[in-house]
Amino acid sequence: MTSNERRKVGSCQELMAGDAIEAFYKNTLVHRGPVTETAPEHGLFWILDTLTGGRRLLDMSEFEIMRMPKHYRDIQVGTPRR
């Protein structure tokens, strides 16, 4: 994978803590952020969603998951604005 490519993730076994991902639902970006934990036996994983600032549990069967290029893995989650 070159430094600017996104790659589709087929299963939780392909994910590790720290991987930056984007989750799409019906071709619409709904979540983005670093993976914090995986439960591959259930097809689930958690991220810190940089779009909302919250922790999200995602189900592989509900979303198209794309791994973001390596340089996105240093994503920092800021405090949500009020």
C-alpha atoms as a PDB file:
ATOM      1  CA  MET A   1       0.000   0.000   0.000  1.00  0.00           C
ATOM      2  CA  THR A   2       1.417   3.380  -0.932  1.00  0.00           C
ATOM      3  CA  SER A   3       1.271   6.248   1.528  1.00  0.00           C
ATOM      4  CA  ASN A   4      -1.826   7.836  -0.064  1.00  0.00           C
ATOM      5  CA  GLU A   5      -4.042   4.772  -0.621  1.00  0.00           C
ATOM      6  CA  ARG A   6      -7.091   3.721   1.340  1.00  0.00           C
ATOM      7  CA  ARG A   7      -7.758  -0.020   1.490  1.00  0.00           C
ATOM      8  CA  LYS A   8     -11.000  -1.856   2.225  1.00  0.00           C
ATOM      9  CA  VAL A   9     -10.936  -3.940   5.399  1.00  0.00           C
ATOM     10  CA  GLY A  10     -12.697  -7.304   5.119  1.00  0.00           C
ATOM     11  CA  SER A  11     -12.662  -8.474   8.743  1.00  0.00           C
ATOM     12  CA  CYS A  12     -11.750  -7.457  12.281  1.00  0.00           C
ATOM     13  CA  GLN A  13      -8.738  -9.783  12.120  1.00  0.00           C
ATOM     14  CA  GLU A  14      -7.160  -7.214   9.767  1.00  0.00           C
ATOM     15  CA  LEU A  15      -7.469  -4.397  12.335  1.00  0.00           C
ATOM     16  CA  MET A  16      -5.121  -3.466  15.164  1.00  0.00           C
ATOM     17  CA  ALA A  17      -5.234  -0.804  17.848  1.00  0.00           C
ATOM     18  CA  GLY A  18      -3.933   2.414  16.315  1.00  0.00           C
ATOM     19  CA  ASP A  19      -5.163   1.757  12.764  1.00  0.00           C
ATOM     20  CA  ALA A  20      -6.949   4.814  11.381  1.00  0.00           C
ATOM     21  CA  ILE A  21     -10.211   3.909   9.660  1.00  0.00           C
ATOM     22  CA  GLU A  22     -13.203   5.451   7.964  1.00  0.00           C
ATOM     23  CA  ALA A  23     -16.635   3.795   8.185  1.00  0.00           C
ATOM     24  CA  PHE A  24     -19.160   4.288   5.405  1.00  0.00           C
ATOM     25  CA  TYR A  25     -22.877   3.525   5.487  1.00  0.00           C
ATOM     26  CA  LYS A  26     -24.558   3.508   2.073  1.00  0.00           C
ATOM     27  CA  ASN A  27     -21.540   5.348   0.609  1.00  0.00           C
ATOM     28  CA  THR A  28     -21.732   8.112   3.256  1.00  0.00           C
ATOM     29  CA  LEU A  29     -18.879   8.703   5.702  1.00  0.00           C
ATOM     30  CA  VAL A  30     -20.339   8.308   9.198  1.00  0.00           C
ATOM     31  CA  HIS A  31     -17.294   7.580  11.418  1.00  0.00           C
ATOM     32  CA  ARG A  32     -13.556   8.242  11.270  1.00  0.00           C
ATOM     33  CA  GLY A  33     -10.811   7.626  13.789  1.00  0.00           C
ATOM     34  CA  PRO A  34      -8.250   5.317  15.325  1.00  0.00           C
ATOM     35  CA  VAL A  35      -9.127   1.769  16.373  1.00  0.00           C
ATOM     36  CA  THR A  36      -8.800   1.341  20.141  1.00  0.00           C
ATOM     37  CA  GLU A  37      -9.870  -2.279  20.640  1.00  0.00           C
ATOM     38  CA  THR A  38     -11.152  -5.241  18.612  1.00  0.00           C
ATOM     39  CA  ALA A  39     -13.457  -8.200  19.283  1.00  0.00           C
ATOM     40  CA  PRO A  40     -12.823 -10.221  16.106  1.00  0.00           C
ATOM     41  CA  GLU A  41     -14.821 -13.228  17.276  1.00  0.00           C
ATOM     42  CA  HIS A  42     -17.913 -10.988  17.199  1.00  0.00           C
ATOM     43  CA  GLY A  43     -17.007  -8.829  14.176  1.00  0.00           C
ATOM     44  CA  LEU A  44     -16.866  -5.721  16.377  1.00  0.00           C
ATOM     45  CA  PHE A  45     -14.316  -3.019  17.098  1.00  0.00           C
ATOM     46  CA  TRP A  46     -14.116   0.309  18.935  1.00  0.00           C
ATOM     47  CA  ILE A  47     -12.793   3.617  17.641  1.00  0.00           C
ATOM     48  CA  LEU A  48     -12.354   7.140  18.963  1.00  0.00           C
ATOM     49  CA  ASP A  49     -14.544   8.955  16.455  1.00  0.00           C
ATOM     50  CA  THR A  50     -12.878  12.197  15.393  1.00  0.00           C
ATOM     51  CA  LEU A  51     -16.124  13.397  13.780  1.00  0.00           C
ATOM     52  CA  THR A  52     -18.053  13.375  17.078  1.00  0.00           C
ATOM     53  CA  GLY A  53     -15.296  13.148  19.702  1.00  0.00           C
ATOM     54  CA  GLY A  54     -16.871  10.022  21.227  1.00  0.00           C
ATOM     55  CA  ARG A  55     -16.003   6.360  21.487  1.00  0.00           C
ATOM     56  CA  ARG A  56     -17.960   4.175  19.033  1.00  0.00           C
ATOM     57  CA  LEU A  57     -18.565   0.437  18.773  1.00  0.00           C
ATOM     58  CA  LEU A  58     -18.735  -0.588  15.110  1.00  0.00           C
ATOM     59  CA  ASP A  59     -20.033  -3.791  13.555  1.00  0.00           C
ATOM     60  CA  MET A  60     -18.178  -4.966  10.435  1.00  0.00           C
ATOM     61  CA  SER A  61     -21.445  -6.242   8.932  1.00  0.00           C
ATOM     62  CA  GLU A  62     -23.071  -2.788   9.017  1.00  0.00           C
ATOM     63  CA  PHE A  63     -20.356  -0.624   7.471  1.00  0.00           C
ATOM     64  CA  GLU A  64     -17.813  -0.551   4.687  1.00  0.00           C
ATOM     65  CA  ILE A  65     -14.516  -0.040   6.530  1.00  0.00           C
ATOM     66  CA  MET A  66     -11.552   1.623   4.856  1.00  0.00           C
ATOM     67  CA  ARG A  67      -8.064   1.702   6.389  1.00  0.00           C
ATOM     68  CA  MET A  68      -6.564   5.146   5.994  1.00  0.00           C
ATOM     69  CA  PRO A  69      -2.955   5.790   4.937  1.00  0.00           C
ATOM     70  CA  LYS A  70      -0.257   5.378   7.595  1.00  0.00           C
ATOM     71  CA  HIS A  71       0.240   9.117   8.124  1.00  0.00           C
ATOM     72  CA  TYR A  72      -3.333   9.322   9.510  1.00  0.00           C
ATOM     73  CA  ARG A  73      -2.535   6.943  12.376  1.00  0.00           C
ATOM     74  CA  ASP A  74      -1.391   9.837  14.560  1.00  0.00           C
ATOM     75  CA  ILE A  75      -4.922  11.266  14.716  1.00  0.00           C
ATOM     76  CA  GLN A  76      -5.486  13.237  17.903  1.00  0.00           C
ATOM     77  CA  VAL A  77      -8.934  13.492  19.407  1.00  0.00           C
ATOM     78  CA  GLY A  78      -9.660  16.960  20.725  1.00  0.00           C
ATOM     79  CA  THR A  79     -12.234  18.077  23.225  1.00  0.00           C
ATOM     80  CA  PRO A  80     -15.614  18.580  21.539  1.00  0.00           C
ATOM     81  CA  ARG A  81     -16.639  22.208  21.181  1.00  0.00           C
ATOM     82  CA  ARG A  82     -19.711  23.436  22.996  1.00  0.00           C
END
